[in-house]
Amino acid sequence: MEKIKNPEWWRQAPFVTYILLTLNIAVFIWMLFVFGTTQSSEALVRTGANFRPFIVHFNEWWRLLTAGFIHIGIEHILMNMVSLYFVGIELEKILGHGRYLVIYLISVLGGNVVSFGLASAGALSAGASTGIFGLFAAYIVLGRLYPQSSYLRQRGQTFMTLFVINVLMNLFSGTIDNWGHMGGALMGALMTAAIGIKQYHPLTKKQRLLLFISIILLLILFIFIGIQREF
């Protein structure tokens, strides 16, 4: 009844996060239905995982985005979806639907591009963690952009700790795409600094423009590196 009385209820509802969760889960179920597994190389490659040889030689550049919606096993998707839910529903309300979605997708794309450029030959990667690390970085940047907000400052410090712990733990795992995580965090941080919160942005238009240009140049750089490493 409250939603009927308030026609703008959707402005606060984190529906973008719900859509992202639904897409990830739907892809996971589809893979199980079609391939009987989400962990075989064949299933991952055919679904759209990040795989440099196919991207370069067959021009399958869409993999740099679709890889962010594919997961390798039940533990992988459970961990990522729980993280996305708890981080996303709050951050979406702070940033707004559009800004939140842009930061998430740029983090997914950027993380996969960095992995494309720097991962070892023949590496196969997938998962929403590129986008999730971008959301971690978004909180850290917001805490620095808006220090007058004790809430954002505290959340930024919390996620900085989580980020450092995750990075240190991942260094000792041979199955984690560390380049993807770092790239997602980098792109998420830059995009958050560039667009900020709608009501107020502490950076000048020139500074924000430079951030946008930096994102584009970094994407081009890592794509170039990846292409060169494949030949």
Protein backbone atom coordinates (compact mmCIF):
# COMPACT_ATOMS: atom_id res chain seq x y z
CA MET A 1 0.00 0.00 0.00
CA GLU A 2 2.87 2.37 0.76
CA LYS A 3 4.19 1.98 -2.77
CA ILE A 4 0.80 2.93 -4.19
CA LYS A 5 0.58 6.01 -1.98
CA ASN A 6 4.11 7.06 -2.91
CA PRO A 7 4.53 6.90 -6.71
CA GLU A 8 8.28 7.65 -6.36
CA TRP A 9 9.06 4.71 -4.06
CA TRP A 10 11.26 3.28 -6.81
CA ARG A 11 13.73 6.15 -6.41
CA GLN A 12 14.88 4.60 -3.13
CA ALA A 13 14.39 0.93 -4.02
CA PRO A 14 17.76 -0.63 -5.05
CA PHE A 15 16.26 -2.25 -8.13
CA VAL A 16 19.51 -2.05 -10.14
CA THR A 17 21.19 -4.28 -7.57
CA TYR A 18 18.24 -6.68 -7.74
CA ILE A 19 18.50 -6.77 -11.54
CA LEU A 20 22.25 -7.47 -11.39
CA LEU A 21 21.69 -10.26 -8.88
CA THR A 22 18.96 -11.75 -11.05
CA LEU A 23 21.12 -11.66 -14.19
CA ASN A 24 24.03 -13.39 -12.48
CA ILE A 25 21.84 -16.09 -10.98
CA ALA A 26 19.96 -16.58 -14.25
CA VAL A 27 23.22 -17.09 -16.18
CA PHE A 28 24.41 -19.57 -13.55
CA ILE A 29 21.18 -21.60 -13.78
CA TRP A 30 21.27 -21.45 -17.59
CA MET A 31 24.83 -22.85 -17.62
CA LEU A 32 23.78 -25.71 -15.36
CA PHE A 33 20.81 -26.46 -17.59
CA VAL A 34 22.77 -26.35 -20.87
CA PHE A 35 26.18 -27.73 -19.85
CA GLY A 36 25.44 -29.53 -16.59
CA THR A 37 28.28 -27.58 -14.98
CA THR A 38 29.60 -24.05 -14.55
CA GLN A 39 33.19 -25.12 -14.01
CA SER A 40 34.37 -26.71 -17.25
CA SER A 41 36.51 -24.68 -19.64
CA GLU A 42 34.11 -25.44 -22.48
CA ALA A 43 31.09 -24.12 -20.58
CA LEU A 44 32.95 -20.98 -19.53
CA VAL A 45 34.33 -20.19 -22.98
CA ARG A 46 31.05 -20.85 -24.76
CA THR A 47 29.11 -18.71 -22.28
CA GLY A 48 31.40 -15.70 -22.59
CA ALA A 49 34.27 -15.81 -20.08
CA ASN A 50 37.29 -13.55 -20.45
CA PHE A 51 39.65 -15.46 -22.77
CA ARG A 52 42.28 -13.42 -24.59
CA PRO A 53 42.86 -15.72 -27.61
CA PHE A 54 39.18 -15.64 -28.61
CA ILE A 55 38.89 -11.91 -27.98
CA VAL A 56 41.87 -11.08 -30.19
CA HIS A 57 41.64 -13.68 -32.94
CA PHE A 58 37.85 -13.83 -33.26
CA ASN A 59 37.05 -10.23 -32.24
CA GLU A 60 34.82 -11.36 -29.36
CA TRP A 61 35.24 -8.12 -27.43
CA TRP A 62 31.88 -8.54 -25.74
CA ARG A 63 33.61 -11.04 -23.44
CA LEU A 64 35.12 -8.11 -21.54
CA LEU A 65 31.63 -7.39 -20.23
CA THR A 66 29.85 -10.75 -20.25
CA ALA A 67 32.61 -12.31 -18.14
CA GLY A 68 31.32 -10.25 -15.22
CA PHE A 69 28.07 -12.24 -15.17
CA ILE A 70 29.56 -15.76 -15.23
CA HIS A 71 30.60 -17.76 -12.17
CA ILE A 72 32.70 -20.85 -11.63
CA GLY A 73 30.92 -23.09 -9.13
CA ILE A 74 28.35 -22.59 -6.39
CA GLU A 75 30.82 -21.20 -3.84
CA HIS A 76 31.98 -18.56 -6.30
CA ILE A 77 28.51 -17.23 -7.07
CA LEU A 78 27.33 -17.39 -3.45
CA MET A 79 30.27 -15.32 -2.21
CA ASN A 80 29.91 -12.75 -4.97
CA MET A 81 26.13 -12.42 -4.75
CA VAL A 82 26.17 -11.98 -0.98
CA SER A 83 28.85 -9.29 -1.36
CA LEU A 84 26.98 -7.57 -4.18
CA TYR A 85 23.74 -7.58 -2.21
CA PHE A 86 25.09 -6.05 0.99
CA VAL A 87 27.40 -3.54 -0.71
CA GLY A 88 25.10 -2.71 -3.60
CA ILE A 89 21.77 -2.00 -1.91
CA GLU A 90 23.36 0.67 0.29
CA LEU A 91 25.66 2.23 -2.30
CA GLU A 92 22.87 2.44 -4.88
CA LYS A 93 20.80 4.54 -2.47
CA ILE A 94 23.75 6.86 -1.88
CA LEU A 95 24.75 7.33 -5.52
CA GLY A 96 21.43 6.92 -7.29
CA HIS A 97 20.54 4.23 -9.79
CA GLY A 98 22.31 5.66 -12.85
CA ARG A 99 25.62 6.56 -11.21
CA TYR A 100 25.72 3.27 -9.36
CA LEU A 101 25.15 1.26 -12.54
CA VAL A 102 27.79 3.22 -14.47
CA ILE A 103 30.40 2.66 -11.75
CA TYR A 104 29.59 -1.04 -11.55
CA LEU A 105 29.71 -1.66 -15.31
CA ILE A 106 32.89 0.38 -15.79
CA SER A 107 34.47 -1.61 -12.97
CA VAL A 108 33.46 -4.89 -14.63
CA LEU A 109 34.72 -3.72 -18.01
CA GLY A 110 37.88 -2.15 -16.64
CA GLY A 111 38.75 -5.13 -14.48
CA ASN A 112 38.39 -7.49 -17.40
CA VAL A 113 40.40 -5.19 -19.66
CA VAL A 114 43.27 -5.06 -17.16
CA SER A 115 43.10 -8.87 -16.85
CA PHE A 116 43.01 -9.11 -20.65
CA GLY A 117 46.21 -7.09 -20.80
CA LEU A 118 48.20 -8.54 -17.92
CA ALA A 119 46.95 -12.07 -17.17
CA SER A 120 49.12 -15.02 -18.12
CA ALA A 121 48.77 -16.60 -21.56
CA GLY A 122 45.70 -18.82 -21.89
CA ALA A 123 44.15 -17.58 -18.65
CA LEU A 124 40.38 -17.98 -18.38
CA SER A 125 38.54 -15.71 -15.95
CA ALA A 126 35.00 -14.79 -14.97
CA GLY A 127 32.97 -13.42 -12.09
CA ALA A 128 31.27 -10.34 -10.69
CA SER A 129 34.19 -9.60 -8.38
CA THR A 130 35.64 -7.05 -10.81
CA GLY A 131 32.49 -5.00 -10.31
CA ILE A 132 32.35 -5.69 -6.56
CA PHE A 133 35.93 -4.50 -6.08
CA GLY A 134 34.91 -1.39 -7.98
CA LEU A 135 32.13 -0.84 -5.43
CA PHE A 136 34.62 -1.29 -2.59
CA ALA A 137 36.78 1.39 -4.19
CA ALA A 138 33.73 3.63 -4.67
CA TYR A 139 33.17 3.71 -0.92
CA ILE A 140 36.83 4.50 -0.30
CA VAL A 141 36.74 7.40 -2.77
CA LEU A 142 33.44 8.76 -1.44
CA GLY A 143 34.96 8.83 2.04
CA ARG A 144 37.77 11.02 0.68
CA LEU A 145 35.58 13.21 -1.52
CA TYR A 146 33.09 13.96 1.26
CA PRO A 147 35.08 13.95 4.55
CA GLN A 148 32.42 16.19 6.10
CA SER A 149 30.14 13.13 6.16
CA SER A 150 31.16 11.00 9.13
CA TYR A 151 29.11 8.14 7.71
CA LEU A 152 30.90 8.08 4.33
CA ARG A 153 34.25 8.61 6.01
CA GLN A 154 33.70 5.63 8.32
CA ARG A 155 32.39 3.46 5.49
CA GLY A 156 35.41 4.40 3.41
CA GLN A 157 37.77 3.31 6.19
CA THR A 158 35.85 0.04 6.62
CA PHE A 159 36.04 -0.81 2.94
CA MET A 160 39.69 0.17 2.75
CA THR A 161 40.36 -2.47 5.41
CA LEU A 162 38.26 -5.04 3.53
CA PHE A 163 40.04 -4.20 0.30
CA VAL A 164 43.51 -4.64 1.81
CA ILE A 165 42.53 -7.93 3.49
CA ASN A 166 41.10 -9.28 0.23
CA VAL A 167 44.17 -8.27 -1.77
CA LEU A 168 46.55 -9.89 0.73
CA MET A 169 44.50 -13.10 0.87
CA ASN A 170 44.26 -13.30 -2.93
CA LEU A 171 48.04 -13.05 -3.31
CA PHE A 172 48.32 -16.57 -1.90
CA SER A 173 45.70 -18.08 -4.21
CA GLY A 174 46.65 -19.30 -7.66
CA THR A 175 43.04 -19.41 -8.83
CA ILE A 176 42.10 -15.77 -8.21
CA ASP A 177 42.23 -13.19 -11.00
CA ASN A 178 44.16 -10.56 -9.05
CA TRP A 179 44.63 -8.35 -12.09
CA GLY A 180 40.87 -8.31 -12.62
CA HIS A 181 40.24 -7.32 -9.01
CA MET A 182 42.84 -4.56 -9.05
CA GLY A 183 41.63 -3.29 -12.41
CA GLY A 184 38.02 -3.23 -11.21
CA ALA A 185 39.03 -1.29 -8.11
CA LEU A 186 41.09 1.18 -10.14
CA MET A 187 38.33 1.88 -12.65
CA GLY A 188 35.68 2.03 -9.94
CA ALA A 189 37.74 4.56 -8.01
CA LEU A 190 38.37 6.76 -11.05
CA MET A 191 34.75 6.69 -12.18
CA THR A 192 33.45 7.45 -8.69
CA ALA A 193 35.81 10.42 -8.43
CA ALA A 194 34.67 11.60 -11.86
CA ILE A 195 30.91 11.51 -11.24
CA GLY A 196 30.55 11.70 -7.45
CA ILE A 197 27.17 12.25 -5.82
CA LYS A 198 24.57 14.14 -7.84
CA GLN A 199 23.82 16.91 -5.34
CA TYR A 200 27.39 18.10 -4.90
CA HIS A 201 30.84 17.42 -6.35
CA PRO A 202 33.99 18.89 -4.75
CA LEU A 203 36.13 18.54 -7.90
CA THR A 204 36.22 21.08 -10.74
CA LYS A 205 34.91 20.28 -14.20
CA LYS A 206 38.48 20.23 -15.51
CA GLN A 207 39.54 17.69 -12.88
CA ARG A 208 36.55 15.51 -13.67
CA LEU A 209 37.26 15.70 -17.39
CA LEU A 210 40.84 14.59 -16.77
CA LEU A 211 39.52 11.61 -14.83
CA PHE A 212 37.25 10.60 -17.71
CA ILE A 213 40.15 10.92 -20.15
CA SER A 214 42.35 8.84 -17.81
CA ILE A 215 39.78 6.03 -17.80
CA ILE A 216 39.62 5.98 -21.60
CA LEU A 217 43.41 6.06 -21.99
CA LEU A 218 43.91 3.26 -19.46
CA LEU A 219 41.36 1.06 -21.23
CA ILE A 220 43.10 1.67 -24.55
CA LEU A 221 46.52 1.00 -23.00
CA PHE A 222 45.60 -2.39 -21.51
CA ILE A 223 43.76 -3.44 -24.65
CA PHE A 224 46.88 -2.60 -26.66
CA ILE A 225 49.06 -4.57 -24.23
CA GLY A 226 46.75 -7.57 -24.43
CA ILE A 227 46.75 -7.56 -28.23
CA GLN A 228 50.54 -7.32 -28.36
CA ARG A 229 50.97 -10.17 -25.89
CA GLU A 230 48.77 -12.45 -28.00
CA PHE A 231 50.98 -12.15 -31.09
